[in-house]
């Protein structure tokens, strides 16, 4: 097995573990992939396969390590462990990627992303068939919140240490087409938000709105795009609807190599805006009135209100594990991170994500100006960064991308983003060299 393929195998393995963790009710299962991947990394490091970047140690690893160590010693526990896992795994995945000397590595990574999402979408389709076929009691009830309690509000049934299958999620489109007893699909990641985000990302990956590329794995993108469009209404959530709208606006105004980023589509934007207002009841289908909206606002504000109430030190550095149990709702992912991490680590995390996004978009713009937009790394970088943005935005509602499976997919996209930056920079430098030789 090539070392550069370990990130892909880690992600694929992580997709099976939420169900295993639900069956065993084991917290250890949720961190198995993280520990195993770190162990492999340590072994290869000892064997001298690579060295650790001093810049990474000084500016990323060390600050987070000190933060978690400090929180542990003052009695706040290890804080949001999944976040530290993402920081660590992103660097490990990137290091493994760099060990590849395959000239078609861009194709390999894109094919791996494609396989991950096709596998998840196929699993969603199988889940739908099994649910409609009446296998709830046999396959899904044993790993559900209903296996824990009876007669209690299911919204509070999901107790630690692991996520369980939920039968209380809405399935509006299923009911619309006649399946009145159906509830929302959960996906392999055990969450309706995860199910919707998987298909939404499939739409982003396979959509025909990027300028051309030489990546041969794109031959079936129109079929895959159409498949995602057909499946999406069955798993759509308000959050994923809003994320897709934001992604569409990025295609329209920001992404340099977007086919939609042109004068004609921008001129038609006022008409699109009018149409959007007409579609609001469909986009925000769960909000029927002000009372429904207030429920969401109260849930989103709960972690922020708690953060406002704590002392100045906890505002800056978070409550760590002591925040657990204070929240009645987990609706606002960013607010939960704010409460657990505090202002300084949260802004540090935010800056890392924004730097990746801004750098990628800037390099794509430079690539366009230098007429190397068809470089496959530019295509991969643009597709990947849109996935990163979409997954990051999902933190406005729940923390699915920080949980088992979700964080490994997110980490894979982050590592892909950084390797794309390196490769695009090299392509630009090579083009500059060619121009200098030609001009001389």
Protein backbone atom coordinates (compact mmCIF):
# COMPACT_ATOMS: atom_id res chain seq x y z
CA UNK A 1 0.00 0.00 0.00
CA UNK A 2 1.32 3.42 -0.96
CA UNK A 3 1.65 5.83 1.94
CA UNK A 4 -0.02 8.58 -0.11
CA UNK A 5 -3.23 6.51 -0.19
CA UNK A 6 -3.52 6.22 3.61
CA UNK A 7 -5.72 9.37 3.91
CA UNK A 8 -8.24 7.87 1.48
CA UNK A 9 -8.35 4.53 3.30
CA UNK A 10 -8.67 6.34 6.63
CA UNK A 11 -11.70 8.28 5.38
CA UNK A 12 -13.35 5.17 3.91
CA UNK A 13 -12.82 3.27 7.19
CA UNK A 14 -14.23 6.20 9.19
CA UNK A 15 -17.51 6.02 7.26
CA UNK A 16 -18.31 2.59 8.73
CA UNK A 17 -17.43 3.45 12.32
CA UNK A 18 -20.45 5.63 13.31
CA UNK A 19 -22.67 2.55 12.97
CA UNK A 20 -20.14 0.40 14.85
CA UNK A 21 -19.96 3.01 17.61
CA UNK A 22 -23.77 3.15 17.77
CA UNK A 23 -24.01 -0.64 18.13
CA UNK A 24 -21.27 -0.86 20.76
CA UNK A 25 -22.04 2.50 22.46
CA UNK A 26 -18.26 2.93 22.57
CA UNK A 27 -16.57 6.32 22.69
CA UNK A 28 -13.23 4.66 21.89
CA UNK A 29 -14.49 3.63 18.46
CA UNK A 30 -15.06 7.29 17.55
CA UNK A 31 -11.33 8.03 17.86
CA UNK A 32 -9.96 4.75 16.51
CA UNK A 33 -9.11 6.16 13.05
CA UNK A 34 -7.43 9.22 14.55
CA UNK A 35 -5.25 7.15 16.89
CA UNK A 36 -4.45 4.56 14.21
CA UNK A 37 -3.49 7.20 11.61
CA UNK A 38 -1.35 9.07 14.14
CA UNK A 39 0.37 5.80 15.07
CA UNK A 40 1.21 5.11 11.43
CA UNK A 41 2.49 8.66 11.06
CA UNK A 42 4.73 8.20 14.14
CA UNK A 43 6.12 4.93 12.78
CA UNK A 44 6.96 6.48 9.40
CA UNK A 45 8.46 9.50 11.16
CA UNK A 46 10.74 7.25 13.24
CA UNK A 47 11.71 5.36 10.08
CA UNK A 48 12.78 8.66 8.52
CA UNK A 49 10.22 8.76 5.70
CA UNK A 50 9.73 12.49 6.32
CA UNK A 51 10.38 15.29 8.80
CA UNK A 52 7.91 17.60 10.53
CA UNK A 53 7.82 21.19 9.30
CA UNK A 54 9.15 23.64 11.90
CA UNK A 55 6.63 26.21 10.67
CA UNK A 56 3.75 23.80 11.39
CA UNK A 57 5.12 22.97 14.84
CA UNK A 58 5.65 26.61 15.76
CA UNK A 59 2.52 28.23 14.35
CA UNK A 60 -0.13 25.47 14.45
CA UNK A 61 0.66 22.34 16.45
CA UNK A 62 2.40 23.96 19.43
CA UNK A 63 -0.27 26.64 20.11
CA UNK A 64 -3.07 24.05 20.03
CA UNK A 65 -1.07 21.56 22.08
CA UNK A 66 -0.34 24.18 24.75
CA UNK A 67 -3.96 25.28 24.72
CA UNK A 68 -5.26 21.74 25.31
CA UNK A 69 -2.57 21.00 27.90
CA UNK A 70 -3.38 24.19 29.80
CA UNK A 71 -7.11 23.43 29.75
CA UNK A 72 -6.40 19.93 31.02
CA UNK A 73 -4.29 21.11 33.95
CA UNK A 74 -6.77 23.76 35.10
CA UNK A 75 -9.53 21.15 35.17
CA UNK A 76 -11.35 22.02 31.94
CA UNK A 77 -10.43 18.70 30.34
CA UNK A 78 -9.16 18.39 26.79
CA UNK A 79 -11.82 20.69 25.39
CA UNK A 80 -13.05 20.03 21.87
CA UNK A 81 -10.82 17.02 21.13
CA UNK A 82 -12.22 16.57 17.61
CA UNK A 83 -10.91 19.98 16.62
CA UNK A 84 -7.38 19.12 17.71
CA UNK A 85 -7.78 15.88 15.75
CA UNK A 86 -8.64 17.86 12.59
CA UNK A 87 -5.60 20.14 13.04
CA UNK A 88 -3.33 17.11 13.50
CA UNK A 89 -4.85 14.89 10.82
CA UNK A 90 -4.82 17.64 8.20
CA UNK A 91 -1.05 17.90 8.51
CA UNK A 92 -0.67 14.09 8.54
CA UNK A 93 -2.82 13.68 5.42
CA UNK A 94 -0.92 16.48 3.68
CA UNK A 95 2.42 14.87 4.60
CA UNK A 96 1.24 11.54 3.18
CA UNK A 97 0.06 13.29 0.00
CA UNK A 98 3.50 14.85 -0.49
CA UNK A 99 5.12 11.41 -0.57
CA UNK A 100 3.44 10.64 -3.89
CA UNK A 101 5.63 11.01 -6.98
CA UNK A 102 2.80 10.09 -9.37
CA UNK A 103 2.45 12.62 -12.17
CA UNK A 104 -1.30 11.92 -12.24
CA UNK A 105 -1.76 12.48 -8.50
CA UNK A 106 -4.39 15.15 -9.20
CA UNK A 107 -6.44 12.47 -10.94
CA UNK A 108 -5.93 10.04 -8.03
CA UNK A 109 -7.16 12.55 -5.43
CA UNK A 110 -10.15 13.59 -7.52
CA UNK A 111 -11.07 9.94 -8.09
CA UNK A 112 -10.79 9.32 -4.33
CA UNK A 113 -13.12 12.27 -3.60
CA UNK A 114 -15.48 10.93 -6.23
CA UNK A 115 -15.45 7.42 -4.70
CA UNK A 116 -16.07 8.79 -1.18
CA UNK A 117 -19.18 10.70 -2.24
CA UNK A 118 -20.52 8.04 -4.60
CA UNK A 119 -20.18 5.51 -1.79
CA UNK A 120 -22.01 7.78 0.68
CA UNK A 121 -24.79 8.58 -1.81
CA UNK A 122 -25.18 4.89 -2.72
CA UNK A 123 -25.44 4.10 1.00
CA UNK A 124 -28.15 6.75 1.32
CA UNK A 125 -30.07 5.15 -1.54
CA UNK A 126 -29.73 1.71 0.11
CA UNK A 127 -30.91 3.18 3.42
CA UNK A 128 -33.95 4.62 1.66
CA UNK A 129 -34.81 1.25 0.07
CA UNK A 130 -34.42 -0.60 3.39
CA UNK A 131 -36.49 1.97 5.28
CA UNK A 132 -39.28 1.89 2.70
CA UNK A 133 -39.05 -1.92 2.68
CA UNK A 134 -39.85 -2.06 6.40
CA UNK A 135 -36.48 -3.03 7.90
CA UNK A 136 -36.62 -0.40 10.64
CA UNK A 137 -37.01 -2.83 13.56
CA UNK A 138 -34.38 -5.23 12.26
CA UNK A 139 -31.61 -2.86 11.18
CA UNK A 140 -32.21 0.70 12.37
CA UNK A 141 -34.04 0.52 15.71
CA UNK A 142 -31.12 -1.27 17.50
CA UNK A 143 -28.82 1.70 16.80
CA UNK A 144 -31.45 4.41 17.32
CA UNK A 145 -32.37 6.75 20.14
CA UNK A 146 -35.53 4.68 20.53
CA UNK A 147 -33.42 1.78 21.78
CA UNK A 148 -32.45 3.89 24.79
CA UNK A 149 -35.73 5.35 25.98
CA UNK A 150 -39.46 5.08 25.71
CA UNK A 151 -41.90 7.89 26.28
CA UNK A 152 -39.23 10.58 26.58
CA UNK A 153 -38.80 13.54 24.27
CA UNK A 154 -36.64 12.07 21.48
CA UNK A 155 -34.90 15.38 20.97
CA UNK A 156 -33.00 14.81 24.24
CA UNK A 157 -32.59 11.08 23.82
CA UNK A 158 -29.16 11.24 22.22
CA UNK A 159 -26.92 10.98 25.24
CA UNK A 160 -23.17 10.58 25.27
CA UNK A 161 -20.90 8.98 24.38
CA UNK A 162 -21.94 8.32 20.75
CA UNK A 163 -24.40 9.43 18.06
CA UNK A 164 -27.41 7.22 17.38
CA UNK A 165 -29.90 6.85 14.53
CA UNK A 166 -32.86 9.25 14.83
CA UNK A 167 -36.43 8.61 13.77
CA UNK A 168 -37.68 12.09 14.70
CA UNK A 169 -36.20 13.91 11.70
CA UNK A 170 -38.66 15.30 9.17
CA UNK A 171 -39.06 13.77 5.71
CA UNK A 172 -41.30 16.31 3.98
CA UNK A 173 -40.62 15.24 0.41
CA UNK A 174 -41.13 11.56 1.23
CA UNK A 175 -44.54 12.46 2.63
CA UNK A 176 -45.26 14.64 -0.39
CA UNK A 177 -44.75 11.66 -2.74
CA UNK A 178 -46.88 9.37 -0.56
CA UNK A 179 -44.64 7.76 2.09
CA UNK A 180 -46.52 9.13 5.10
CA UNK A 181 -44.76 6.99 7.74
CA UNK A 182 -41.25 7.80 6.53
CA UNK A 183 -38.79 9.85 8.61
CA UNK A 184 -35.60 11.57 7.52
CA UNK A 185 -32.66 9.54 6.24
CA UNK A 186 -29.55 9.67 8.45
CA UNK A 187 -26.77 8.42 6.14
CA UNK A 188 -23.75 6.43 7.33
CA UNK A 189 -22.78 9.47 9.43
CA UNK A 190 -26.03 9.22 11.44
CA UNK A 191 -27.62 12.60 10.96
CA UNK A 192 -30.15 14.21 8.64
CA UNK A 193 -27.91 17.26 8.31
CA UNK A 194 -25.07 14.96 7.26
CA UNK A 195 -27.31 13.26 4.69
CA UNK A 196 -28.27 16.59 3.12
CA UNK A 197 -24.70 17.90 3.15
CA UNK A 198 -23.36 14.76 1.46
CA UNK A 199 -25.69 15.19 -1.50
CA UNK A 200 -25.21 18.98 -1.55
CA UNK A 201 -21.45 18.43 -1.81
CA UNK A 202 -22.08 15.91 -4.57
CA UNK A 203 -23.91 18.63 -6.48
CA UNK A 204 -20.96 20.99 -5.93
CA UNK A 205 -18.36 18.43 -7.03
CA UNK A 206 -20.10 17.20 -10.17
CA UNK A 207 -21.78 20.42 -11.33
CA UNK A 208 -20.83 21.67 -14.84
CA UNK A 209 -20.07 25.24 -13.72
CA UNK A 210 -16.25 25.00 -13.66
CA UNK A 211 -14.06 25.73 -16.67
CA UNK A 212 -12.57 22.67 -18.38
CA UNK A 213 -9.86 20.39 -17.12
CA UNK A 214 -7.82 17.46 -18.33
CA UNK A 215 -8.90 15.25 -15.41
CA UNK A 216 -10.23 12.15 -17.18
CA UNK A 217 -12.40 11.12 -14.24
CA UNK A 218 -14.95 13.78 -15.24
CA UNK A 219 -16.50 11.79 -18.08
CA UNK A 220 -19.56 10.80 -16.05
CA UNK A 221 -19.96 14.09 -14.14
CA UNK A 222 -23.23 15.01 -15.86
CA UNK A 223 -24.82 11.69 -14.88
CA UNK A 224 -23.56 12.05 -11.29
CA UNK A 225 -24.72 15.67 -11.14
CA UNK A 226 -28.21 14.66 -12.34
CA UNK A 227 -28.28 11.80 -9.81
CA UNK A 228 -27.47 14.19 -6.96
CA UNK A 229 -30.15 16.64 -8.15
CA UNK A 230 -32.77 13.86 -8.18
CA UNK A 231 -31.82 12.54 -4.73
CA UNK A 232 -31.45 15.95 -3.09
CA UNK A 233 -35.17 16.71 -2.44
CA UNK A 234 -35.42 13.51 -0.40
CA UNK A 235 -32.69 14.65 2.01
CA UNK A 236 -32.87 18.45 1.75
CA UNK A 237 -32.71 20.52 4.92
CA UNK A 238 -33.04 24.25 5.36
CA UNK A 239 -29.34 24.44 6.20
CA UNK A 240 -28.22 22.65 3.05
CA UNK A 241 -30.64 24.78 0.97
CA UNK A 242 -29.08 27.98 2.31
CA UNK A 243 -25.56 26.62 1.84
CA UNK A 244 -26.27 25.80 -1.80
CA UNK A 245 -27.61 29.32 -2.32
CA UNK A 246 -24.42 30.80 -0.83
CA UNK A 247 -22.32 28.46 -3.00
CA UNK A 248 -24.30 29.60 -6.04
CA UNK A 249 -23.53 33.23 -5.18
CA UNK A 250 -19.83 32.35 -4.89
CA UNK A 251 -20.03 30.77 -8.34
CA UNK A 252 -21.73 33.92 -9.57
CA UNK A 253 -19.45 36.59 -8.09
CA UNK A 254 -16.27 35.16 -6.51
CA UNK A 255 -14.93 31.90 -7.99
CA UNK A 256 -12.61 33.06 -10.83
CA UNK A 257 -12.97 29.95 -13.03
CA UNK A 258 -16.74 29.73 -12.77
CA UNK A 259 -18.75 29.67 -15.97
CA UNK A 260 -21.44 31.63 -14.13
CA UNK A 261 -19.04 34.42 -13.23
CA UNK A 262 -19.71 36.55 -16.30
CA UNK A 263 -21.47 39.76 -17.31
CA UNK A 264 -24.64 38.09 -18.56
CA UNK A 265 -25.41 36.15 -15.38
CA UNK A 266 -24.60 39.17 -13.24
CA UNK A 267 -27.00 41.30 -15.26
CA UNK A 268 -29.71 38.73 -14.63
CA UNK A 269 -29.05 38.76 -10.88
CA UNK A 270 -31.95 41.15 -10.08
CA UNK A 271 -34.34 38.68 -11.74
CA UNK A 272 -32.75 35.85 -9.75
CA UNK A 273 -33.24 37.84 -6.55
CA UNK A 274 -36.95 38.32 -7.30
CA UNK A 275 -37.25 34.58 -7.98
CA UNK A 276 -35.46 33.85 -4.71
CA UNK A 277 -38.10 35.70 -2.70
CA UNK A 278 -40.73 33.58 -4.39
CA UNK A 279 -38.86 30.42 -3.41
CA UNK A 280 -38.39 31.32 0.26
CA UNK A 281 -41.30 29.11 1.45
CA UNK A 282 -39.69 26.17 -0.36
CA UNK A 283 -36.15 26.93 0.86
CA UNK A 284 -37.18 27.53 4.48
CA UNK A 285 -39.88 24.85 4.42
CA UNK A 286 -39.71 24.15 8.16
CA UNK A 287 -40.49 27.76 9.13
CA UNK A 288 -44.22 28.36 8.85
CA UNK A 289 -44.38 31.50 10.94
CA UNK A 290 -42.67 33.73 13.51
CA UNK A 291 -43.04 31.15 16.28
CA UNK A 292 -41.00 28.62 14.27
CA UNK A 293 -38.38 31.26 13.51
CA UNK A 294 -38.15 32.16 17.20
CA UNK A 295 -37.40 28.53 18.09
CA UNK A 296 -34.39 28.57 15.77
CA UNK A 297 -33.21 31.98 16.98
CA UNK A 298 -33.44 30.90 20.64
CA UNK A 299 -31.53 27.68 19.90
CA UNK A 300 -28.79 29.58 18.03
CA UNK A 301 -28.49 32.22 20.73
CA UNK A 302 -28.25 29.78 23.65
CA UNK A 303 -24.46 29.10 23.43
CA UNK A 304 -23.77 32.79 22.74
CA UNK A 305 -25.80 33.85 25.79
CA UNK A 306 -23.91 31.33 27.93
CA UNK A 307 -20.60 32.63 26.58
CA UNK A 308 -21.58 36.21 27.47
CA UNK A 309 -22.30 35.13 31.06
CA UNK A 310 -18.93 33.47 31.79
CA UNK A 311 -15.88 35.29 33.18
CA UNK A 312 -13.33 37.06 30.96
CA UNK A 313 -10.78 34.22 31.09
CA UNK A 314 -13.35 31.64 29.93
CA UNK A 315 -14.54 34.05 27.25
CA UNK A 316 -11.02 34.09 25.81
CA UNK A 317 -10.02 30.43 26.30
CA UNK A 318 -13.32 28.56 26.58
CA UNK A 319 -14.92 26.23 29.09
CA UNK A 320 -13.50 23.03 27.66
CA UNK A 321 -15.23 19.87 28.86
CA UNK A 322 -16.94 21.83 31.64
CA UNK A 323 -19.27 23.28 28.97
CA UNK A 324 -20.73 19.83 28.44
CA UNK A 325 -24.25 19.57 29.84
CA UNK A 326 -24.81 23.34 29.92
CA UNK A 327 -26.57 23.39 26.55
CA UNK A 328 -30.10 22.19 25.88
CA UNK A 329 -29.56 22.59 22.15
CA UNK A 330 -26.75 21.84 19.70
CA UNK A 331 -28.22 23.84 16.82
CA UNK A 332 -25.54 26.50 16.40
CA UNK A 333 -22.21 24.81 15.66
CA UNK A 334 -20.17 28.03 15.63
CA UNK A 335 -21.71 29.06 18.95
CA UNK A 336 -20.82 25.70 20.50
CA UNK A 337 -17.21 26.08 19.36
CA UNK A 338 -17.21 29.62 20.75
CA UNK A 339 -18.34 28.31 24.15
CA UNK A 340 -16.00 25.31 24.26
CA UNK A 341 -12.90 26.94 22.75
CA UNK A 342 -13.18 30.59 23.65
CA UNK A 343 -12.57 33.65 21.49
CA UNK A 344 -8.80 33.29 20.85
CA UNK A 345 -8.68 29.64 19.67
CA UNK A 346 -11.89 30.15 17.69
CA UNK A 347 -10.42 33.14 15.81
CA UNK A 348 -7.22 31.14 15.25
CA UNK A 349 -9.22 28.31 13.67
CA UNK A 350 -11.23 30.80 11.63
CA UNK A 351 -8.06 32.41 10.28
CA UNK A 352 -6.63 29.02 9.18
CA UNK A 353 -9.78 28.25 7.20
CA UNK A 354 -10.04 31.72 5.69
CA UNK A 355 -6.37 31.72 4.69
CA UNK A 356 -6.85 28.45 2.83
CA UNK A 357 -9.93 29.79 1.02
CA UNK A 358 -8.41 33.18 0.15
CA UNK A 359 -5.08 31.70 -0.99
CA UNK A 360 -6.80 29.15 -3.23
CA UNK A 361 -9.09 31.72 -4.85
CA UNK A 362 -6.18 34.13 -5.38
CA UNK A 363 -4.04 31.43 -7.05
CA UNK A 364 -6.95 30.41 -9.29
CA UNK A 365 -7.27 34.07 -10.34
CA UNK A 366 -3.54 34.26 -11.12
CA UNK A 367 -3.81 31.00 -13.09
CA UNK A 368 -6.55 32.53 -15.21
CA UNK A 369 -4.47 35.62 -15.88
CA UNK A 370 -1.54 33.44 -16.95
CA UNK A 371 -3.77 31.25 -19.12
CA UNK A 372 -3.05 28.04 -17.22
CA UNK A 373 -6.63 27.66 -15.99
CA UNK A 374 -6.86 24.20 -17.57
CA UNK A 375 -4.16 22.87 -15.30
CA UNK A 376 -5.84 19.90 -13.52
CA UNK A 377 -4.60 21.09 -10.11
CA UNK A 378 -6.47 24.36 -10.65
CA UNK A 379 -9.66 22.42 -11.38
CA UNK A 380 -9.17 20.15 -8.36
CA UNK A 381 -8.39 23.16 -6.18
CA UNK A 382 -11.53 25.02 -7.24
CA UNK A 383 -13.84 22.01 -6.75
CA UNK A 384 -12.23 21.18 -3.43
CA UNK A 385 -12.34 24.71 -2.00
CA UNK A 386 -16.07 24.93 -2.75
CA UNK A 387 -16.52 21.73 -0.73
CA UNK A 388 -14.46 23.20 2.12
CA UNK A 389 -16.63 26.34 2.14
CA UNK A 390 -19.85 24.30 2.08
CA UNK A 391 -18.74 22.01 4.92
CA UNK A 392 -17.47 24.93 6.98
CA UNK A 393 -20.76 26.79 6.52
CA UNK A 394 -22.60 23.72 7.83
CA UNK A 395 -21.34 24.72 11.30
CA UNK A 396 -24.13 27.29 11.31
CA UNK A 397 -26.32 24.30 12.16
CA UNK A 398 -24.83 21.41 14.16
CA UNK A 399 -21.23 20.18 14.33
CA UNK A 400 -21.43 17.25 11.91
CA UNK A 401 -18.06 18.05 10.29
CA UNK A 402 -16.34 17.73 13.69
CA UNK A 403 -17.77 14.29 14.41
CA UNK A 404 -16.74 10.78 13.39
CA UNK A 405 -16.65 10.39 9.61
CA UNK A 406 -17.57 14.01 9.00
CA UNK A 407 -14.31 15.35 10.41
CA UNK A 408 -12.31 12.85 8.36
CA UNK A 409 -14.02 13.96 5.14
CA UNK A 410 -13.46 17.59 6.13
CA UNK A 411 -9.82 16.84 6.94
CA UNK A 412 -9.36 15.15 3.55
CA UNK A 413 -10.69 18.28 1.83
CA UNK A 414 -8.44 20.54 3.93
CA UNK A 415 -5.33 18.49 3.14
CA UNK A 416 -6.32 18.43 -0.55
CA UNK A 417 -6.67 22.21 -0.41
CA UNK A 418 -3.13 22.66 0.88
CA UNK A 419 -1.58 20.25 -1.63
CA UNK A 420 -3.47 22.06 -4.42
CA UNK A 421 -2.01 25.38 -3.26
CA UNK A 422 1.51 23.95 -3.48
CA UNK A 423 0.95 22.43 -6.92
CA UNK A 424 -0.74 25.55 -8.36
CA UNK A 425 2.12 27.70 -7.07
CA UNK A 426 4.59 25.43 -8.87
CA UNK A 427 2.55 25.66 -12.08
CA UNK A 428 2.55 29.47 -11.84
CA UNK A 429 6.30 29.54 -11.15
CA UNK A 430 6.92 27.29 -14.16
CA UNK A 431 4.81 29.57 -16.35
CA UNK A 432 6.76 32.60 -15.06
CA UNK A 433 10.00 30.81 -15.93
CA UNK A 434 8.75 30.09 -19.44
CA UNK A 435 7.76 33.74 -19.89
CA UNK A 436 11.20 34.93 -18.70
CA UNK A 437 12.98 32.57 -21.09
CA UNK A 438 10.75 33.66 -23.97
CA UNK A 439 11.23 37.36 -23.22
CA UNK A 440 14.97 37.00 -22.91
